[in-house]
Amino acid sequence: MKPPAPYAAVAMQLTARSVERSADRAEASAQMLAMIEALGPKLRSATIFIQQYGGSPVRLAVLPEYLLTSYPGRITVPDFAEKAALDMDGPEYAALGKLAQSLNLFLAVNAYERDPHFPGLYFQASVILSPSGEVVVRYRRLNSMFAPTPHDVWSKYLDIYGLDGVFPVAKSEIGNLSAIASEEILYPEIARAHALRGAEIFVHSSSEIGSPLATPKAIAKRARAFENIAYVVSANTAGIEGTALPLASADGNSMVVDYKGQVLSESNAGETFTAFADIDLAALRAQRRKPGMTNQLARQRLELFAPIYAGHEVQPANGLLDADGNHAIPDREHFLRVHESVIERLSKDGLI
């Protein structure tokens, strides 16, 4: 496929708003839909400015992590699923799809969502909507400290969705798109799995501590870019409203990183669109086809590591499934208990 002309991508740094104080699902949904409606003028104004400033049309916009709800806090898993997790065919996604359609761009969002196959649970999903309003990527976070993931119901999840549903890559007119959620940018295997399935652009929705220092996530964004010869478009929150935390605890440093690991643009604190840059797919694809030491993606010797990975279990799969394939509903302490037991086992095995 012929690469598109260079276009602009923007990481929209916006304030998340908690639904914790909403009385019920109807009130939470009304708040979310109002946020989506208010998002339209901001995105529209940002895309007009970016094209006027740089000359390239905006074809990709990335929104921060859990923008519509904030994090679950201490709300129980089933209660949060009932109050705040989106339905895959629900009105919030429909409204976001209409927004992508009206602006003629790909819109990457992050939200907690319910799945009818796993009642009582929720998953954190990074979803990319196309200019037609359709979902082209639905990636669900695989590594979380405090919430259910597909890996916790792994056997059943694979039976339903297959590996394509675990590491989805959309081959679109603006390049091959995939998603990485939040702290998963720290796990090189997740980005590499997407790259090995053809991903050229990683959309990264995050809510993280901003700092003038090089944070672990800031370092990881650059590393995931150059080691996979891929762009990273990373949107952070501009603070979180409606929680006990100080507003700006997760604010700043949204960025666009090119396939050489260079930061092309980076935001300061507050609500802003200033993390935007051109995406040059022709240059990226030329780089991937060059023989040389800098082509790490084509120099992988994956078979070397397969026996090590296959021979060790760290975080166990199927932690929420019983022998009959039925899933349990965990309490909030379940995930910490599993984490502590893994550390204890690794210590007993002499690995740490």
Protein backbone atom coordinates (compact mmCIF):
# COMPACT_ATOMS: atom_id res chain seq x y z
CA MET A 1 0.00 0.00 0.00
CA LYS A 2 1.32 3.42 -0.95
CA PRO A 3 2.04 5.48 2.18
CA PRO A 4 -0.08 8.58 2.72
CA ALA A 5 1.34 12.08 2.48
CA PRO A 6 2.60 13.37 5.84
CA TYR A 7 -0.26 14.30 8.14
CA ALA A 8 -0.51 15.67 11.67
CA ALA A 9 -1.27 13.69 14.82
CA VAL A 10 -2.22 15.37 18.08
CA ALA A 11 -2.12 14.16 21.68
CA MET A 12 -4.95 16.09 23.33
CA GLN A 13 -4.08 16.85 26.97
CA LEU A 14 -7.45 17.15 28.72
CA THR A 15 -8.80 17.02 32.26
CA ALA A 16 -10.38 13.74 33.33
CA ARG A 17 -13.46 13.91 35.50
CA SER A 18 -14.35 11.28 38.07
CA VAL A 19 -17.83 9.74 38.18
CA GLU A 20 -17.29 8.57 41.74
CA ARG A 21 -19.81 11.10 43.11
CA SER A 22 -22.49 10.28 40.54
CA ALA A 23 -25.57 8.81 42.18
CA ASP A 24 -26.11 6.07 39.60
CA ARG A 25 -25.33 4.94 36.06
CA ALA A 26 -27.80 7.34 34.49
CA GLU A 27 -26.11 10.32 36.13
CA ALA A 28 -22.63 9.00 35.28
CA SER A 29 -23.62 8.46 31.64
CA ALA A 30 -25.13 11.94 31.41
CA GLN A 31 -21.87 13.40 32.71
CA MET A 32 -19.85 11.40 30.19
CA LEU A 33 -22.05 12.40 27.25
CA ALA A 34 -21.80 16.05 28.28
CA MET A 35 -17.99 15.72 28.33
CA ILE A 36 -18.02 14.24 24.82
CA GLU A 37 -20.20 17.09 23.58
CA ALA A 38 -17.82 19.65 25.13
CA LEU A 39 -14.87 17.84 23.55
CA GLY A 40 -16.12 18.56 20.03
CA PRO A 41 -15.34 22.31 19.89
CA LYS A 42 -11.96 21.78 21.54
CA LEU A 43 -10.92 19.17 19.02
CA ARG A 44 -12.30 21.12 16.10
CA SER A 45 -10.46 24.31 17.10
CA ALA A 46 -7.24 22.39 17.71
CA THR A 47 -7.32 20.68 14.31
CA ILE A 48 -7.96 23.99 12.51
CA PHE A 49 -5.08 25.69 14.33
CA ILE A 50 -2.66 22.82 13.73
CA GLN A 51 -3.36 22.76 9.99
CA GLN A 52 -3.07 26.54 9.72
CA TYR A 53 0.16 26.51 11.74
CA GLY A 54 1.95 23.56 10.20
CA GLY A 55 0.15 23.00 6.93
CA SER A 56 -0.76 19.35 7.48
CA PRO A 57 -4.30 18.11 8.13
CA VAL A 58 -4.91 16.33 11.43
CA ARG A 59 -5.79 12.70 10.71
CA LEU A 60 -5.20 11.23 14.18
CA ALA A 61 -6.18 12.54 17.63
CA VAL A 62 -5.39 10.66 20.85
CA LEU A 63 -7.28 11.29 24.11
CA PRO A 64 -5.96 10.60 27.62
CA GLU A 65 -6.56 7.56 29.77
CA TYR A 66 -9.99 7.16 31.43
CA LEU A 67 -10.89 10.72 30.41
CA LEU A 68 -14.63 10.23 30.96
CA THR A 69 -14.57 8.55 34.38
CA SER A 70 -11.16 8.75 36.08
CA TYR A 71 -9.88 5.63 37.86
CA PRO A 72 -12.15 3.33 39.94
CA GLY A 73 -10.59 4.09 43.33
CA ARG A 74 -12.04 1.86 46.03
CA ILE A 75 -15.37 1.22 44.30
CA THR A 76 -15.90 -2.55 44.05
CA VAL A 77 -15.35 -4.22 40.70
CA PRO A 78 -19.04 -5.05 40.02
CA ASP A 79 -20.23 -1.66 41.30
CA PHE A 80 -17.79 0.19 39.03
CA ALA A 81 -18.74 -2.03 36.11
CA GLU A 82 -22.39 -1.16 36.72
CA LYS A 83 -21.91 2.57 37.24
CA ALA A 84 -19.09 3.60 34.93
CA ALA A 85 -17.99 0.92 32.46
CA LEU A 86 -19.16 1.60 28.91
CA ASP A 87 -21.13 -0.91 26.88
CA MET A 88 -19.41 -1.86 23.64
CA ASP A 89 -22.50 -0.71 21.72
CA GLY A 90 -23.45 2.01 24.18
CA PRO A 91 -24.31 5.69 23.65
CA GLU A 92 -20.89 6.97 24.71
CA TYR A 93 -19.05 5.10 21.95
CA ALA A 94 -21.77 6.14 19.50
CA ALA A 95 -21.19 9.79 20.44
CA LEU A 96 -17.42 9.40 20.09
CA GLY A 97 -17.91 7.76 16.70
CA LYS A 98 -20.03 10.70 15.52
CA LEU A 99 -17.29 13.05 16.70
CA ALA A 100 -14.64 11.18 14.70
CA GLN A 101 -16.97 11.24 11.71
CA SER A 102 -17.70 14.96 11.98
CA LEU A 103 -13.99 15.81 12.15
CA ASN A 104 -12.94 13.22 9.53
CA LEU A 105 -10.15 11.78 11.67
CA PHE A 106 -9.11 8.69 13.57
CA LEU A 107 -9.93 9.17 17.26
CA ALA A 108 -8.17 7.11 19.93
CA VAL A 109 -9.95 6.90 23.29
CA ASN A 110 -9.48 4.99 26.53
CA ALA A 111 -12.29 3.84 28.81
CA TYR A 112 -13.40 1.08 31.11
CA GLU A 113 -15.93 -1.18 29.43
CA ARG A 114 -18.18 -4.13 30.08
CA ASP A 115 -18.24 -7.33 28.07
CA PRO A 116 -21.40 -9.49 27.97
CA HIS A 117 -19.20 -12.60 28.07
CA PHE A 118 -17.84 -11.58 31.49
CA PRO A 119 -20.71 -10.14 33.55
CA GLY A 120 -19.67 -8.33 36.72
CA LEU A 121 -16.19 -7.55 35.40
CA TYR A 122 -14.82 -4.66 33.38
CA PHE A 123 -11.72 -4.23 31.25
CA GLN A 124 -9.75 -1.11 30.43
CA ALA A 125 -9.96 -0.61 26.69
CA SER A 126 -8.06 1.53 24.22
CA VAL A 127 -10.34 2.00 21.23
CA ILE A 128 -9.62 3.64 17.87
CA LEU A 129 -12.57 4.97 15.89
CA SER A 130 -12.21 5.63 12.16
CA PRO A 131 -13.51 8.66 10.24
CA SER A 132 -16.58 6.55 9.42
CA GLY A 133 -17.28 6.30 13.15
CA GLU A 134 -16.55 2.58 13.28
CA VAL A 135 -14.29 0.87 15.83
CA VAL A 136 -11.17 -0.38 14.04
CA VAL A 137 -9.10 -1.27 17.14
CA ARG A 138 -10.34 -2.51 20.50
CA TYR A 139 -7.30 -3.32 22.64
CA ARG A 140 -7.80 -4.29 26.27
CA ARG A 141 -5.09 -3.66 28.80
CA LEU A 142 -3.25 -6.88 29.63
CA ASN A 143 -1.18 -5.79 32.61
CA SER A 144 -2.90 -3.98 35.48
CA MET A 145 -2.11 -3.79 39.18
CA PHE A 146 -5.64 -3.17 40.41
CA ALA A 147 -8.18 -4.31 37.80
CA PRO A 148 -9.26 -7.38 35.82
CA THR A 149 -7.52 -8.03 32.51
CA PRO A 150 -8.02 -10.55 29.68
CA HIS A 151 -5.04 -12.47 31.11
CA ASP A 152 -7.04 -13.14 34.30
CA VAL A 153 -9.63 -15.01 32.20
CA TRP A 154 -7.14 -15.98 29.52
CA SER A 155 -8.38 -19.36 28.29
CA LYS A 156 -11.98 -18.19 27.88
CA TYR A 157 -10.91 -14.85 26.39
CA LEU A 158 -8.78 -16.55 23.73
CA ASP A 159 -11.61 -18.93 22.89
CA ILE A 160 -13.90 -15.95 22.27
CA TYR A 161 -11.61 -13.39 20.64
CA GLY A 162 -8.49 -15.23 19.49
CA LEU A 163 -5.07 -13.63 19.30
CA ASP A 164 -6.34 -11.01 16.84
CA GLY A 165 -8.56 -9.71 19.63
CA VAL A 166 -5.65 -9.56 22.06
CA PHE A 167 -3.13 -7.68 19.89
CA PRO A 168 -5.28 -5.95 17.25
CA VAL A 169 -3.65 -3.87 14.51
CA ALA A 170 -5.73 -1.81 12.08
CA LYS A 171 -4.25 -1.46 8.60
CA SER A 172 -5.69 1.91 7.66
CA GLU A 173 -5.12 4.67 5.11
CA ILE A 174 -3.00 6.56 7.69
CA GLY A 175 -0.83 3.57 8.59
CA ASN A 176 -1.00 0.48 10.76
CA LEU A 177 -2.47 1.52 14.11
CA SER A 178 -2.28 -0.18 17.48
CA ALA A 179 -2.78 0.83 21.10
CA ILE A 180 -0.81 0.62 24.33
CA ALA A 181 -2.58 1.47 27.58
CA SER A 182 -1.08 3.58 30.34
CA GLU A 183 1.79 1.91 32.23
CA GLU A 184 1.99 -0.85 29.62
CA ILE A 185 4.43 1.43 27.79
CA LEU A 186 6.91 0.12 30.40
CA TYR A 187 6.55 -3.44 29.09
CA PRO A 188 8.53 -3.86 25.85
CA GLU A 189 6.86 -7.16 25.02
CA ILE A 190 3.47 -5.50 24.45
CA ALA A 191 4.79 -2.97 21.95
CA ARG A 192 6.90 -5.65 20.26
CA ALA A 193 3.92 -7.98 19.90
CA HIS A 194 2.03 -5.22 18.11
CA ALA A 195 5.04 -4.36 15.94
CA LEU A 196 5.43 -8.00 14.93
CA ARG A 197 1.84 -7.83 13.73
CA GLY A 198 2.65 -4.81 11.57
CA ALA A 199 1.98 -1.82 13.86
CA GLU A 200 3.61 1.44 12.77
CA ILE A 201 1.91 3.89 15.13
CA PHE A 202 1.31 3.27 18.83
CA VAL A 203 -1.45 5.37 20.36
CA HIS A 204 -0.82 5.71 24.08
CA SER A 205 -3.51 7.01 26.43
CA SER A 206 -2.06 7.73 29.85
CA SER A 207 -2.67 9.44 33.17
CA GLU A 208 0.72 9.87 34.74
CA ILE A 209 2.89 12.09 36.88
CA GLY A 210 4.31 14.93 34.81
CA SER A 211 7.80 16.11 35.59
CA PRO A 212 10.72 18.09 34.13
CA LEU A 213 12.79 15.02 35.03
CA ALA A 214 12.94 11.93 32.83
CA THR A 215 10.20 9.73 34.27
CA PRO A 216 10.12 5.98 33.59
CA LYS A 217 7.23 6.43 31.16
CA ALA A 218 8.96 9.28 29.33
CA ILE A 219 12.03 7.10 28.84
CA ALA A 220 9.90 4.12 27.80
CA LYS A 221 8.02 6.07 25.12
CA ARG A 222 11.26 6.88 23.37
CA ALA A 223 12.57 3.34 23.78
CA ARG A 224 9.40 1.71 22.41
CA ALA A 225 9.60 4.05 19.41
CA PHE A 226 13.18 3.45 18.30
CA GLU A 227 13.36 -0.26 19.12
CA ASN A 228 10.25 -0.90 16.99
CA ILE A 229 10.81 1.87 14.39
CA ALA A 230 7.36 3.21 15.20
CA TYR A 231 5.70 6.49 16.14
CA VAL A 232 4.29 6.95 19.66
CA VAL A 233 1.48 9.46 20.15
CA SER A 234 1.02 9.76 23.91
CA ALA A 235 -1.77 11.79 25.54
CA ASN A 236 -1.68 12.48 29.28
CA THR A 237 -4.44 13.88 31.42
CA ALA A 238 -4.43 17.56 32.39
CA GLY A 239 -5.27 16.65 35.95
CA ILE A 240 -8.26 14.77 37.38
CA GLU A 241 -11.36 16.51 38.74
CA GLY A 242 -13.66 15.11 41.38
CA THR A 243 -11.20 13.10 43.46
CA ALA A 244 -9.36 13.78 46.72
CA LEU A 245 -6.05 14.06 44.86
CA PRO A 246 -4.67 17.51 44.07
CA LEU A 247 -5.92 18.42 40.59
CA ALA A 248 -2.57 18.43 38.77
CA SER A 249 -1.24 15.16 40.18
CA ALA A 250 -1.38 13.61 36.69
CA ASP A 251 -0.64 16.44 34.27
CA GLY A 252 1.74 17.41 31.49
CA ASN A 253 4.26 15.83 29.14
CA SER A 254 1.95 14.59 26.42
CA MET A 255 4.20 13.98 23.43
CA VAL A 256 4.71 12.73 19.91
CA VAL A 257 7.83 10.59 19.43
CA ASP A 258 9.17 9.64 16.02
CA TYR A 259 10.47 6.28 14.84
CA LYS A 260 14.03 7.23 15.81
CA GLY A 261 13.01 7.89 19.41
CA GLN A 262 13.18 11.68 19.07
CA VAL A 263 10.54 13.77 20.83
CA LEU A 264 8.96 15.91 18.11
CA SER A 265 6.69 17.87 20.45
CA GLU A 266 5.80 17.86 24.14
CA SER A 267 3.17 19.69 26.17
CA ASN A 268 3.59 21.65 29.34
CA ALA A 269 0.90 21.41 32.06
CA GLY A 270 -2.81 22.14 31.64
CA GLU A 271 -5.39 21.53 28.95
CA THR A 272 -3.65 21.91 25.61
CA PHE A 273 -3.22 20.53 22.09
CA THR A 274 0.46 21.51 21.82
CA ALA A 275 1.75 17.94 21.52
CA PHE A 276 1.31 17.61 17.77
CA ALA A 277 3.63 16.69 14.91
CA ASP A 278 3.72 15.32 11.40
CA ILE A 279 3.63 11.56 10.84
CA ASP A 280 5.78 10.56 7.85
CA LEU A 281 4.91 6.96 6.98
CA ALA A 282 7.07 6.91 3.86
CA ALA A 283 10.16 7.74 5.91
CA LEU A 284 9.26 5.17 8.58
CA ARG A 285 8.77 2.41 6.01
CA ALA A 286 12.02 3.32 4.27
CA GLN A 287 13.81 3.06 7.62
CA ARG A 288 12.32 -0.38 8.27
CA ARG A 289 13.65 -1.57 4.92
CA LYS A 290 17.23 -0.35 5.38
CA PRO A 291 19.83 -2.99 6.24
CA GLY A 292 21.98 -1.76 9.09
CA MET A 293 22.62 -1.82 12.82
CA THR A 294 19.85 0.70 13.46
CA ASN A 295 17.19 -1.64 12.08
CA GLN A 296 16.53 -3.40 15.38
CA LEU A 297 13.11 -4.60 14.27
CA ALA A 298 14.54 -6.67 11.41
CA ARG A 299 17.41 -7.97 13.55
CA GLN A 300 15.27 -9.81 16.10
CA ARG A 301 16.23 -13.40 16.95
CA LEU A 302 13.01 -14.32 18.69
CA GLU A 303 13.67 -18.05 18.87
CA LEU A 304 16.51 -17.35 21.31
CA PHE A 305 14.07 -16.15 23.94
CA ALA A 306 11.06 -18.39 23.36
CA PRO A 307 12.30 -21.22 25.68
CA ILE A 308 12.98 -18.74 28.50
CA TYR A 309 9.56 -17.14 28.21
CA ALA A 310 7.79 -20.48 27.87
CA GLY A 311 9.68 -21.98 30.79
CA HIS A 312 8.78 -19.37 33.39
CA GLU A 313 5.47 -18.29 34.85
CA VAL A 314 5.54 -14.99 36.70
CA GLN A 315 2.06 -13.48 36.82
CA PRO A 316 -0.28 -16.48 36.44
CA ALA A 317 -2.95 -16.68 33.77
CA ASN A 318 -6.58 -17.57 34.47
CA GLY A 319 -6.48 -16.20 38.02
CA LEU A 320 -10.22 -15.50 37.90
CA LEU A 321 -11.31 -18.71 36.14
CA ASP A 322 -12.32 -21.97 37.82
CA ALA A 323 -11.91 -25.46 36.36
CA ASP A 324 -15.23 -25.19 34.55
CA GLY A 325 -14.31 -21.89 32.89
CA ASN A 326 -16.54 -19.75 35.09
CA HIS A 327 -15.10 -16.44 36.22
CA ALA A 328 -15.02 -15.10 39.77
CA ILE A 329 -15.72 -11.52 40.79
CA PRO A 330 -12.62 -10.32 42.66
CA ASP A 331 -12.53 -7.99 45.64
CA ARG A 332 -10.19 -5.03 45.43
CA GLU A 333 -7.50 -6.78 47.49
CA HIS A 334 -7.36 -9.79 45.17
CA PHE A 335 -4.84 -8.20 42.80
CA LEU A 336 -2.49 -7.16 45.60
CA ARG A 337 -2.64 -10.65 47.10
CA VAL A 338 -1.70 -12.18 43.75
CA HIS A 339 1.15 -9.71 43.36
CA GLU A 340 2.50 -10.51 46.82
CA SER A 341 2.27 -14.26 46.21
CA VAL A 342 4.20 -13.90 42.94
CA ILE A 343 6.98 -12.01 44.70
CA GLU A 344 7.11 -14.66 47.43
CA ARG A 345 7.31 -17.48 44.86
CA LEU A 346 10.03 -15.78 42.84
CA SER A 347 11.98 -15.23 46.02
CA LYS A 348 11.66 -18.89 47.06
CA ASP A 349 12.81 -19.93 43.58
CA GLY A 350 15.91 -17.76 43.98
CA LEU A 351 15.00 -15.54 41.05
CA ILE A 352 14.82 -12.30 43.01
